PDB file of N, CA and C in Angstrom:
ATOM      1  N   UNK A   1     159.065 157.102 215.431  1.00  0.00           N
ATOM      2  CA  UNK A   1     159.702 158.367 215.176  1.00  0.00           C
ATOM      3  C   UNK A   1     158.622 159.373 214.835  1.00  0.00           C
ATOM      4  N   UNK A   2     158.758 160.586 215.346  1.00  0.00           N
ATOM      5  CA  UNK A   2     157.770 161.609 215.061  1.00  0.00           C
ATOM      6  C   UNK A   2     158.336 162.992 215.334  1.00  0.00           C
ATOM      7  N   UNK A   3     157.445 163.914 215.552  1.00  0.00           N
ATOM      8  CA  UNK A   3     157.820 165.293 215.849  1.00  0.00           C
ATOM      9  C   UNK A   3     157.606 165.572 217.325  1.00  0.00           C
ATOM     10  N   UNK A   4     158.389 166.487 217.855  1.00  0.00           N
ATOM     11  CA  UNK A   4     158.174 166.929 219.226  1.00  0.00           C
ATOM     12  C   UNK A   4     157.139 168.048 219.227  1.00  0.00           C
ATOM     13  N   UNK A   5     156.567 168.310 220.391  1.00  0.00           N
ATOM     14  CA  UNK A   5     155.601 169.413 220.478  1.00  0.00           C
ATOM     15  C   UNK A   5     156.287 170.745 220.172  1.00  0.00           C
ATOM     16  N   UNK A   6     157.580 170.882 220.530  1.00  0.00           N
ATOM     17  CA  UNK A   6     158.322 172.093 220.199  1.00  0.00           C
ATOM     18  C   UNK A   6     158.377 172.287 218.687  1.00  0.00           C
ATOM     19  N   UNK A   7     158.698 171.224 217.950  1.00  0.00           N
ATOM     20  CA  UNK A   7     158.772 171.310 216.488  1.00  0.00           C
ATOM     21  C   UNK A   7     157.418 171.673 215.897  1.00  0.00           C
ATOM     22  N   UNK A   8     156.365 171.067 216.407  1.00  0.00           N
ATOM     23  CA  UNK A   8     155.014 171.362 215.915  1.00  0.00           C
ATOM     24  C   UNK A   8     154.674 172.826 216.176  1.00  0.00           C
ATOM     25  N   UNK A   9     154.993 173.321 217.369  1.00  0.00           N
ATOM     26  CA  UNK A   9     154.724 174.726 217.697  1.00  0.00           C
ATOM     27  C   UNK A   9     155.500 175.668 216.781  1.00  0.00           C
ATOM     28  N   UNK A  10     156.753 175.330 216.496  1.00  0.00           N
ATOM     29  CA  UNK A  10     157.580 176.167 215.627  1.00  0.00           C
ATOM     30  C   UNK A  10     157.062 176.175 214.186  1.00  0.00           C
ATOM     31  N   UNK A  11     156.575 175.034 213.728  1.00  0.00           N
ATOM     32  CA  UNK A  11     156.081 174.935 212.352  1.00  0.00           C
ATOM     33  C   UNK A  11     154.752 175.662 212.159  1.00  0.00           C
ATOM     34  N   UNK A  12     153.915 175.655 213.167  1.00  0.00           N
ATOM     35  CA  UNK A  12     152.569 176.197 213.005  1.00  0.00           C
ATOM     36  C   UNK A  12     151.643 175.096 212.511  1.00  0.00           C
ATOM     37  N   UNK A  13     150.516 175.462 211.967  1.00  0.00           N
ATOM     38  CA  UNK A  13     149.515 174.483 211.541  1.00  0.00           C
ATOM     39  C   UNK A  13     150.045 173.611 210.411  1.00  0.00           C
ATOM     40  N   UNK A  14     150.164 172.319 210.678  1.00  0.00           N
ATOM     41  CA  UNK A  14     150.660 171.366 209.679  1.00  0.00           C
ATOM     42  C   UNK A  14     149.512 170.973 208.754  1.00  0.00           C
ATOM     43  N   UNK A  15     149.781 171.046 207.445  1.00  0.00           N
ATOM     44  CA  UNK A  15     148.727 170.804 206.452  1.00  0.00           C
ATOM     45  C   UNK A  15     149.046 169.654 205.492  1.00  0.00           C
ATOM     46  N   UNK A  16     150.304 169.173 205.488  1.00  0.00           N
ATOM     47  CA  UNK A  16     150.679 168.103 204.555  1.00  0.00           C
ATOM     48  C   UNK A  16     151.870 167.347 205.113  1.00  0.00           C
ATOM     49  N   UNK A  17     151.856 166.032 204.927  1.00  0.00           N
ATOM     50  CA  UNK A  17     152.980 165.190 205.345  1.00  0.00           C
ATOM     51  C   UNK A  17     153.297 164.230 204.208  1.00  0.00           C
ATOM     52  N   UNK A  18     154.573 164.192 203.817  1.00  0.00           N
ATOM     53  CA  UNK A  18     155.036 163.229 202.820  1.00  0.00           C
ATOM     54  C   UNK A  18     155.880 162.200 203.559  1.00  0.00           C
ATOM     55  N   UNK A  19     155.433 160.946 203.540  1.00  0.00           N
ATOM     56  CA  UNK A  19     156.105 159.881 204.273  1.00  0.00           C
ATOM     57  C   UNK A  19     156.816 158.925 203.328  1.00  0.00           C
ATOM     58  N   UNK A  20     157.841 158.234 203.832  1.00  0.00           N
ATOM     59  CA  UNK A  20     158.562 157.275 202.994  1.00  0.00           C
ATOM     60  C   UNK A  20     157.777 155.974 202.849  1.00  0.00           C
ATOM     61  N   UNK A  21     158.265 155.116 201.991  1.00  0.00           N
ATOM     62  CA  UNK A  21     157.689 153.779 201.805  1.00  0.00           C
ATOM     63  C   UNK A  21     158.268 152.836 202.860  1.00  0.00           C
ATOM     64  N   UNK A  22     157.452 151.899 203.320  1.00  0.00           N
ATOM     65  CA  UNK A  22     157.979 150.835 204.176  1.00  0.00           C
ATOM     66  C   UNK A  22     159.066 150.104 203.388  1.00  0.00           C
ATOM     67  N   UNK A  23     160.129 149.739 204.067  1.00  0.00           N
ATOM     68  CA  UNK A  23     161.254 149.070 203.432  1.00  0.00           C
ATOM     69  C   UNK A  23     162.381 150.017 203.054  1.00  0.00           C
ATOM     70  N   UNK A  24     162.105 151.318 203.057  1.00  0.00           N
ATOM     71  CA  UNK A  24     163.148 152.311 202.759  1.00  0.00           C
ATOM     72  C   UNK A  24     164.183 152.297 203.877  1.00  0.00           C
ATOM     73  N   UNK A  25     165.442 152.507 203.508  1.00  0.00           N
ATOM     74  CA  UNK A  25     166.528 152.511 204.489  1.00  0.00           C
ATOM     75  C   UNK A  25     167.176 153.891 204.529  1.00  0.00           C
ATOM     76  N   UNK A  26     167.561 154.309 205.738  1.00  0.00           N
ATOM     77  CA  UNK A  26     168.129 155.635 205.948  1.00  0.00           C
ATOM     78  C   UNK A  26     169.330 155.570 206.870  1.00  0.00           C
ATOM     79  N   UNK A  27     170.230 156.507 206.664  1.00  0.00           N
ATOM     80  CA  UNK A  27     171.377 156.713 207.538  1.00  0.00           C
ATOM     81  C   UNK A  27     171.014 157.825 208.530  1.00  0.00           C
ATOM     82  N   UNK A  28     171.684 157.891 209.687  1.00  0.00           N
ATOM     83  CA  UNK A  28     171.417 158.983 210.630  1.00  0.00           C
ATOM     84  C   UNK A  28     171.602 160.340 209.960  1.00  0.00           C
ATOM     85  N   UNK A  29     170.666 161.241 210.171  1.00  0.00           N
ATOM     86  CA  UNK A  29     170.753 162.587 209.631  1.00  0.00           C
ATOM     87  C   UNK A  29     170.234 162.741 208.221  1.00  0.00           C
ATOM     88  N   UNK A  30     169.830 161.652 207.602  1.00  0.00           N
ATOM     89  CA  UNK A  30     169.310 161.706 206.240  1.00  0.00           C
ATOM     90  C   UNK A  30     167.829 162.108 206.280  1.00  0.00           C
ATOM     91  N   UNK A  31     167.389 162.903 205.314  1.00  0.00           N
ATOM     92  CA  UNK A  31     165.986 163.325 205.240  1.00  0.00           C
ATOM     93  C   UNK A  31     165.107 162.101 205.009  1.00  0.00           C
ATOM     94  N   UNK A  32     164.132 161.922 205.898  1.00  0.00           N
ATOM     95  CA  UNK A  32     163.279 160.733 205.838  1.00  0.00           C
ATOM     96  C   UNK A  32     161.852 161.069 205.398  1.00  0.00           C
ATOM     97  N   UNK A  33     161.414 162.295 205.669  1.00  0.00           N
ATOM     98  CA  UNK A  33     160.084 162.723 205.221  1.00  0.00           C
ATOM     99  C   UNK A  33     160.015 164.249 205.230  1.00  0.00           C
ATOM    100  N   UNK A  34     158.893 164.772 204.752  1.00  0.00           N
ATOM    101  CA  UNK A  34     158.688 166.214 204.677  1.00  0.00           C
ATOM    102  C   UNK A  34     157.371 166.576 205.353  1.00  0.00           C
ATOM    103  N   UNK A  35     157.398 167.671 206.085  1.00  0.00           N
ATOM    104  CA  UNK A  35     156.205 168.190 206.746  1.00  0.00           C
ATOM    105  C   UNK A  35     156.001 169.618 206.262  1.00  0.00           C
ATOM    106  N   UNK A  36     154.800 169.905 205.809  1.00  0.00           N
ATOM    107  CA  UNK A  36     154.491 171.263 205.359  1.00  0.00           C
ATOM    108  C   UNK A  36     153.460 171.888 206.289  1.00  0.00           C
ATOM    109  N   UNK A  37     153.705 173.146 206.618  1.00  0.00           N
ATOM    110  CA  UNK A  37     152.772 173.907 207.439  1.00  0.00           C
ATOM    111  C   UNK A  37     152.381 175.162 206.680  1.00  0.00           C
ATOM    112  N   UNK A  38     151.536 175.956 207.311  1.00  0.00           N
ATOM    113  CA  UNK A  38     151.159 177.217 206.685  1.00  0.00           C
ATOM    114  C   UNK A  38     152.350 178.173 206.625  1.00  0.00           C
ATOM    115  N   UNK A  39     153.396 177.906 207.434  1.00  0.00           N
ATOM    116  CA  UNK A  39     154.585 178.750 207.466  1.00  0.00           C
ATOM    117  C   UNK A  39     155.677 178.296 206.508  1.00  0.00           C
ATOM    118  N   UNK A  40     155.908 176.963 206.429  1.00  0.00           N
ATOM    119  CA  UNK A  40     157.079 176.478 205.692  1.00  0.00           C
ATOM    120  C   UNK A  40     156.990 174.983 205.419  1.00  0.00           C
ATOM    121  N   UNK A  41     157.895 174.535 204.580  1.00  0.00           N
ATOM    122  CA  UNK A  41     158.081 173.109 204.333  1.00  0.00           C
ATOM    123  C   UNK A  41     159.394 172.714 205.003  1.00  0.00           C
ATOM    124  N   UNK A  42     159.376 171.622 205.764  1.00  0.00           N
ATOM    125  CA  UNK A  42     160.565 171.226 206.510  1.00  0.00           C
ATOM    126  C   UNK A  42     160.855 169.747 206.339  1.00  0.00           C
ATOM    127  N   UNK A  43     162.116 169.441 206.169  1.00  0.00           N
ATOM    128  CA  UNK A  43     162.553 168.048 206.134  1.00  0.00           C
ATOM    129  C   UNK A  43     162.608 167.525 207.567  1.00  0.00           C
ATOM    130  N   UNK A  44     162.304 166.252 207.716  1.00  0.00           N
ATOM    131  CA  UNK A  44     162.446 165.560 208.992  1.00  0.00           C
ATOM    132  C   UNK A  44     163.567 164.548 208.793  1.00  0.00           C
ATOM    133  N   UNK A  45     164.542 164.570 209.687  1.00  0.00           N
ATOM    134  CA  UNK A  45     165.742 163.766 209.525  1.00  0.00           C
ATOM    135  C   UNK A  45     165.726 162.535 210.421  1.00  0.00           C
ATOM    136  N   UNK A  46     166.263 161.450 209.915  1.00  0.00           N
ATOM    137  CA  UNK A  46     166.348 160.209 210.677  1.00  0.00           C
ATOM    138  C   UNK A  46     167.277 160.409 211.875  1.00  0.00           C
ATOM    139  N   UNK A  47     166.799 160.154 213.081  1.00  0.00           N
ATOM    140  CA  UNK A  47     167.653 160.308 214.254  1.00  0.00           C
ATOM    141  C   UNK A  47     168.693 159.196 214.367  1.00  0.00           C
ATOM    142  N   UNK A  48     168.372 158.053 213.778  1.00  0.00           N
ATOM    143  CA  UNK A  48     169.259 156.887 213.751  1.00  0.00           C
ATOM    144  C   UNK A  48     169.136 156.232 212.382  1.00  0.00           C
ATOM    145  N   UNK A  49     170.086 155.397 212.049  1.00  0.00           N
ATOM    146  CA  UNK A  49     169.996 154.663 210.796  1.00  0.00           C
ATOM    147  C   UNK A  49     169.090 153.458 210.954  1.00  0.00           C
ATOM    148  N   UNK A  50     168.408 153.116 209.883  1.00  0.00           N
ATOM    149  CA  UNK A  50     167.566 151.941 209.955  1.00  0.00           C
ATOM    150  C   UNK A  50     166.619 151.825 208.782  1.00  0.00           C
ATOM    151  N   UNK A  51     165.727 150.850 208.890  1.00  0.00           N
ATOM    152  CA  UNK A  51     164.743 150.565 207.856  1.00  0.00           C
ATOM    153  C   UNK A  51     163.352 150.912 208.353  1.00  0.00           C
ATOM    154  N   UNK A  52     162.583 151.574 207.514  1.00  0.00           N
ATOM    155  CA  UNK A  52     161.199 151.899 207.843  1.00  0.00           C
ATOM    156  C   UNK A  52     160.401 150.597 207.804  1.00  0.00           C
ATOM    157  N   UNK A  53     159.810 150.237 208.941  1.00  0.00           N
ATOM    158  CA  UNK A  53     159.025 149.007 208.989  1.00  0.00           C
ATOM    159  C   UNK A  53     157.522 149.276 209.040  1.00  0.00           C
ATOM    160  N   UNK A  54     157.150 150.523 209.348  1.00  0.00           N
ATOM    161  CA  UNK A  54     155.729 150.884 209.354  1.00  0.00           C
ATOM    162  C   UNK A  54     155.596 152.383 209.162  1.00  0.00           C
ATOM    163  N   UNK A  55     154.552 152.775 208.433  1.00  0.00           N
ATOM    164  CA  UNK A  55     154.269 154.177 208.157  1.00  0.00           C
ATOM    165  C   UNK A  55     152.874 154.486 208.698  1.00  0.00           C
ATOM    166  N   UNK A  56     152.730 155.620 209.360  1.00  0.00           N
ATOM    167  CA  UNK A  56     151.431 156.016 209.917  1.00  0.00           C
ATOM    168  C   UNK A  56     150.607 156.709 208.834  1.00  0.00           C
ATOM    169  N   UNK A  57     149.866 155.934 208.077  1.00  0.00           N
ATOM    170  CA  UNK A  57     149.083 156.486 206.975  1.00  0.00           C
ATOM    171  C   UNK A  57     147.972 157.407 207.457  1.00  0.00           C
ATOM    172  N   UNK A  58     147.523 157.245 208.708  1.00  0.00           N
ATOM    173  CA  UNK A  58     146.464 158.134 209.205  1.00  0.00           C
ATOM    174  C   UNK A  58     146.945 159.572 209.294  1.00  0.00           C
ATOM    175  N   UNK A  59     148.246 159.779 209.562  1.00  0.00           N
ATOM    176  CA  UNK A  59     148.803 161.137 209.610  1.00  0.00           C
ATOM    177  C   UNK A  59     148.897 161.715 208.200  1.00  0.00           C
ATOM    178  N   UNK A  60     149.213 160.855 207.239  1.00  0.00           N
ATOM    179  CA  UNK A  60     149.268 161.316 205.852  1.00  0.00           C
ATOM    180  C   UNK A  60     147.883 161.759 205.383  1.00  0.00           C
ATOM    181  N   UNK A  61     146.864 161.009 205.774  1.00  0.00           N
ATOM    182  CA  UNK A  61     145.491 161.321 205.389  1.00  0.00           C
ATOM    183  C   UNK A  61     144.923 162.511 206.157  1.00  0.00           C
ATOM    184  N   UNK A  62     145.381 162.705 207.385  1.00  0.00           N
ATOM    185  CA  UNK A  62     144.881 163.784 208.233  1.00  0.00           C
ATOM    186  C   UNK A  62     146.048 164.428 208.988  1.00  0.00           C
ATOM    187  N   UNK A  63     146.895 165.222 208.284  1.00  0.00           N
ATOM    188  CA  UNK A  63     148.103 165.782 208.907  1.00  0.00           C
ATOM    189  C   UNK A  63     147.826 166.723 210.076  1.00  0.00           C
ATOM    190  N   UNK A  64     146.610 167.248 210.161  1.00  0.00           N
ATOM    191  CA  UNK A  64     146.270 168.142 211.264  1.00  0.00           C
ATOM    192  C   UNK A  64     146.363 167.441 212.615  1.00  0.00           C
ATOM    193  N   UNK A  65     146.338 166.095 212.610  1.00  0.00           N
ATOM    194  CA  UNK A  65     146.491 165.335 213.855  1.00  0.00           C
ATOM    195  C   UNK A  65     147.792 165.698 214.567  1.00  0.00           C
ATOM    196  N   UNK A  66     148.829 165.994 213.789  1.00  0.00           N
ATOM    197  CA  UNK A  66     150.118 166.354 214.377  1.00  0.00           C
ATOM    198  C   UNK A  66     150.024 167.607 215.235  1.00  0.00           C
ATOM    199  N   UNK A  67     149.152 168.527 214.855  1.00  0.00           N
ATOM    200  CA  UNK A  67     148.992 169.765 215.610  1.00  0.00           C
ATOM    201  C   UNK A  67     148.419 169.501 217.001  1.00  0.00           C
ATOM    202  N   UNK A  68     147.607 168.451 217.117  1.00  0.00           N
ATOM    203  CA  UNK A  68     146.896 168.175 218.366  1.00  0.00           C
ATOM    204  C   UNK A  68     147.624 167.196 219.276  1.00  0.00           C
ATOM    205  N   UNK A  69     148.305 166.207 218.693  1.00  0.00           N
ATOM    206  CA  UNK A  69     148.822 165.107 219.500  1.00  0.00           C
ATOM    207  C   UNK A  69     150.125 164.542 218.920  1.00  0.00           C
ATOM    208  N   UNK A  70     151.213 165.328 218.930  1.00  0.00           N
ATOM    209  CA  UNK A  70     152.443 164.831 218.310  1.00  0.00           C
ATOM    210  C   UNK A  70     153.060 163.625 219.027  1.00  0.00           C
ATOM    211  N   UNK A  71     152.795 163.438 220.314  1.00  0.00           N
ATOM    212  CA  UNK A  71     153.404 162.330 221.056  1.00  0.00           C
ATOM    213  C   UNK A  71     152.531 161.087 221.129  1.00  0.00           C
ATOM    214  N   UNK A  72     151.289 161.177 220.715  1.00  0.00           N
ATOM    215  CA  UNK A  72     150.386 160.034 220.824  1.00  0.00           C
ATOM    216  C   UNK A  72     150.190 159.321 219.508  1.00  0.00           C
ATOM    217  N   UNK A  73     149.012 159.463 218.958  1.00  0.00           N
ATOM    218  CA  UNK A  73     148.627 158.780 217.729  1.00  0.00           C
ATOM    219  C   UNK A  73     149.296 159.340 216.477  1.00  0.00           C
ATOM    220  N   UNK A  74     150.048 160.410 216.614  1.00  0.00           N
ATOM    221  CA  UNK A  74     150.589 161.102 215.434  1.00  0.00           C
ATOM    222  C   UNK A  74     152.056 160.815 215.167  1.00  0.00           C
ATOM    223  N   UNK A  75     152.516 159.618 215.483  1.00  0.00           N
ATOM    224  CA  UNK A  75     153.875 159.241 215.105  1.00  0.00           C
ATOM    225  C   UNK A  75     153.948 159.175 213.581  1.00  0.00           C
ATOM    226  N   UNK A  76     155.139 159.256 213.026  1.00  0.00           N
ATOM    227  CA  UNK A  76     155.302 159.275 211.571  1.00  0.00           C
ATOM    228  C   UNK A  76     155.678 157.909 211.010  1.00  0.00           C
ATOM    229  N   UNK A  77     156.784 157.349 211.487  1.00  0.00           N
ATOM    230  CA  UNK A  77     157.246 156.050 211.004  1.00  0.00           C
ATOM    231  C   UNK A  77     157.835 155.251 212.160  1.00  0.00           C
ATOM    232  N   UNK A  78     157.891 153.952 211.965  1.00  0.00           N
ATOM    233  CA  UNK A  78     158.598 153.075 212.892  1.00  0.00           C
ATOM    234  C   UNK A  78     159.830 152.567 212.165  1.00  0.00           C
ATOM    235  N   UNK A  79     160.967 152.655 212.854  1.00  0.00           N
ATOM    236  CA  UNK A  79     162.242 152.243 212.276  1.00  0.00           C
ATOM    237  C   UNK A  79     162.777 151.001 212.971  1.00  0.00           C
ATOM    238  N   UNK A  80     163.318 150.093 212.182  1.00  0.00           N
ATOM    239  CA  UNK A  80     164.115 148.995 212.720  1.00  0.00           C
ATOM    240  C   UNK A  80     165.543 149.519 212.722  1.00  0.00           C
ATOM    241  N   UNK A  81     166.092 149.731 213.901  1.00  0.00           N
ATOM    242  CA  UNK A  81     167.389 150.382 214.044  1.00  0.00           C
ATOM    243  C   UNK A  81     168.497 149.458 213.532  1.00  0.00           C
ATOM    244  N   UNK A  82     169.334 150.004 212.678  1.00  0.00           N
ATOM    245  CA  UNK A  82     170.423 149.232 212.073  1.00  0.00           C
ATOM    246  C   UNK A  82     171.578 149.007 213.037  1.00  0.00           C
ATOM    247  N   UNK A  83     171.837 149.971 213.903  1.00  0.00           N
ATOM    248  CA  UNK A  83     172.978 149.894 214.800  1.00  0.00           C
ATOM    249  C   UNK A  83     172.581 150.496 216.146  1.00  0.00           C
ATOM    250  N   UNK A  84     172.490 149.668 217.165  1.00  0.00           N
ATOM    251  CA  UNK A  84     172.069 150.129 218.488  1.00  0.00           C
ATOM    252  C   UNK A  84     172.973 151.222 219.052  1.00  0.00           C
ATOM    253  N   UNK A  85     174.217 151.276 218.598  1.00  0.00           N
ATOM    254  CA  UNK A  85     175.130 152.320 219.064  1.00  0.00           C
ATOM    255  C   UNK A  85     174.653 153.715 218.664  1.00  0.00           C
ATOM    256  N   UNK A  86     173.841 153.821 217.611  1.00  0.00           N
ATOM    257  CA  UNK A  86     173.300 155.120 217.206  1.00  0.00           C
ATOM    258  C   UNK A  86     172.460 155.741 218.321  1.00  0.00           C
ATOM    259  N   UNK A  87     171.853 154.906 219.155  1.00  0.00           N
ATOM    260  CA  UNK A  87     171.003 155.407 220.233  1.00  0.00           C
ATOM    261  C   UNK A  87     171.797 156.228 221.253  1.00  0.00           C
ATOM    262  N   UNK A  88     173.087 155.966 221.378  1.00  0.00           N
ATOM    263  CA  UNK A  88     173.929 156.686 222.342  1.00  0.00           C
ATOM    264  C   UNK A  88     174.037 158.174 222.020  1.00  0.00           C
ATOM    265  N   UNK A  89     173.818 158.535 220.767  1.00  0.00           N
ATOM    266  CA  UNK A  89     173.957 159.937 220.368  1.00  0.00           C
ATOM    267  C   UNK A  89     172.675 160.745 220.584  1.00  0.00           C
ATOM    268  N   UNK A  90     171.584 160.080 220.948  1.00  0.00           N
ATOM    269  CA  UNK A  90     170.308 160.776 221.132  1.00  0.00           C
ATOM    270  C   UNK A  90     170.211 161.402 222.520  1.00  0.00           C
ATOM    271  N   UNK A  91     169.466 162.503 222.604  1.00  0.00           N
ATOM    272  CA  UNK A  91     169.204 163.141 223.887  1.00  0.00           C
ATOM    273  C   UNK A  91     168.061 162.434 224.590  1.00  0.00           C
ATOM    274  N   UNK A  92     168.097 162.427 225.912  1.00  0.00           N
ATOM    275  CA  UNK A  92     166.937 161.969 226.682  1.00  0.00           C
ATOM    276  C   UNK A  92     165.873 163.066 226.595  1.00  0.00           C
ATOM    277  N   UNK A  93     164.665 162.754 227.022  1.00  0.00           N
ATOM    278  CA  UNK A  93     163.594 163.755 226.998  1.00  0.00           C
ATOM    279  C   UNK A  93     163.967 164.979 227.829  1.00  0.00           C
ATOM    280  N   UNK A  94     164.548 164.777 229.004  1.00  0.00           N
ATOM    281  CA  UNK A  94     164.913 165.920 229.856  1.00  0.00           C
ATOM    282  C   UNK A  94     166.055 166.726 229.248  1.00  0.00           C
ATOM    283  N   UNK A  95     167.019 166.058 228.608  1.00  0.00           N
ATOM    284  CA  UNK A  95     168.104 166.773 227.938  1.00  0.00           C
ATOM    285  C   UNK A  95     167.560 167.603 226.774  1.00  0.00           C
ATOM    286  N   UNK A  96     166.624 167.042 226.043  1.00  0.00           N
ATOM    287  CA  UNK A  96     166.018 167.767 224.920  1.00  0.00           C
ATOM    288  C   UNK A  96     165.255 168.988 225.429  1.00  0.00           C
ATOM    289  N   UNK A  97     164.450 168.816 226.469  1.00  0.00           N
ATOM    290  CA  UNK A  97     163.697 169.937 227.033  1.00  0.00           C
ATOM    291  C   UNK A  97     164.629 171.038 227.513  1.00  0.00           C
ATOM    292  N   UNK A  98     165.732 170.659 228.118  1.00  0.00           N
ATOM    293  CA  UNK A  98     166.723 171.640 228.585  1.00  0.00           C
ATOM    294  C   UNK A  98     167.329 172.396 227.399  1.00  0.00           C
ATOM    295  N   UNK A  99     167.653 171.680 226.327  1.00  0.00           N
ATOM    296  CA  UNK A  99     168.219 172.323 225.131  1.00  0.00           C
ATOM    297  C   UNK A  99     167.220 173.283 224.506  1.00  0.00           C
ATOM    298  N   UNK A 100     165.959 172.916 224.486  1.00  0.00           N
ATOM    299  CA  UNK A 100     164.909 173.780 223.927  1.00  0.00           C
ATOM    300  C   UNK A 100     164.789 175.034 224.788  1.00  0.00           C
ATOM    301  N   UNK A 101     164.789 174.886 226.092  1.00  0.00           N
ATOM    302  CA  UNK A 101     164.691 176.048 226.985  1.00  0.00           C
ATOM    303  C   UNK A 101     165.876 176.985 226.805  1.00  0.00           C
ATOM    304  N   UNK A 102     167.076 176.432 226.652  1.00  0.00           N
ATOM    305  CA  UNK A 102     168.265 177.256 226.470  1.00  0.00           C
ATOM    306  C   UNK A 102     168.222 177.987 225.137  1.00  0.00           C
ATOM    307  N   UNK A 103     167.637 177.377 224.126  1.00  0.00           N
ATOM    308  CA  UNK A 103     167.574 178.020 222.807  1.00  0.00           C
ATOM    309  C   UNK A 103     166.593 179.185 222.796  1.00  0.00           C
ATOM    310  N   UNK A 104     165.692 179.217 223.750  1.00  0.00           N
ATOM    311  CA  UNK A 104     164.703 180.307 223.812  1.00  0.00           C
ATOM    312  C   UNK A 104     165.309 181.579 224.389  1.00  0.00           C
ATOM    313  N   UNK A 105     166.465 181.459 225.018  1.00  0.00           N
ATOM    314  CA  UNK A 105     167.087 182.632 225.677  1.00  0.00           C
ATOM    315  C   UNK A 105     168.062 183.320 224.776  1.00  0.00           C
TER     316      UNK A 105
END
């Protein structure tokens, strides 16, 4: 789980990331971590319910990585999904890109 390039662009330069502890459990839509930029502080919400099984500590130590590579090495957490049916509510990459384009108009 991480941020999209659209989210990173909207936030501006990211300077701080607060991540959860491994073993923490979340419901869909629940705030899972916080990202701070020079513009604002924003909650990041769990897209699905599950348990955090791994945290990317390198992003916590160097949050600027998110500005450069949100889809690569800059993931935030890995979740063990509690209910596979939650995946049905997520957008595909193309659906998300289409929604972002429509929101710009």
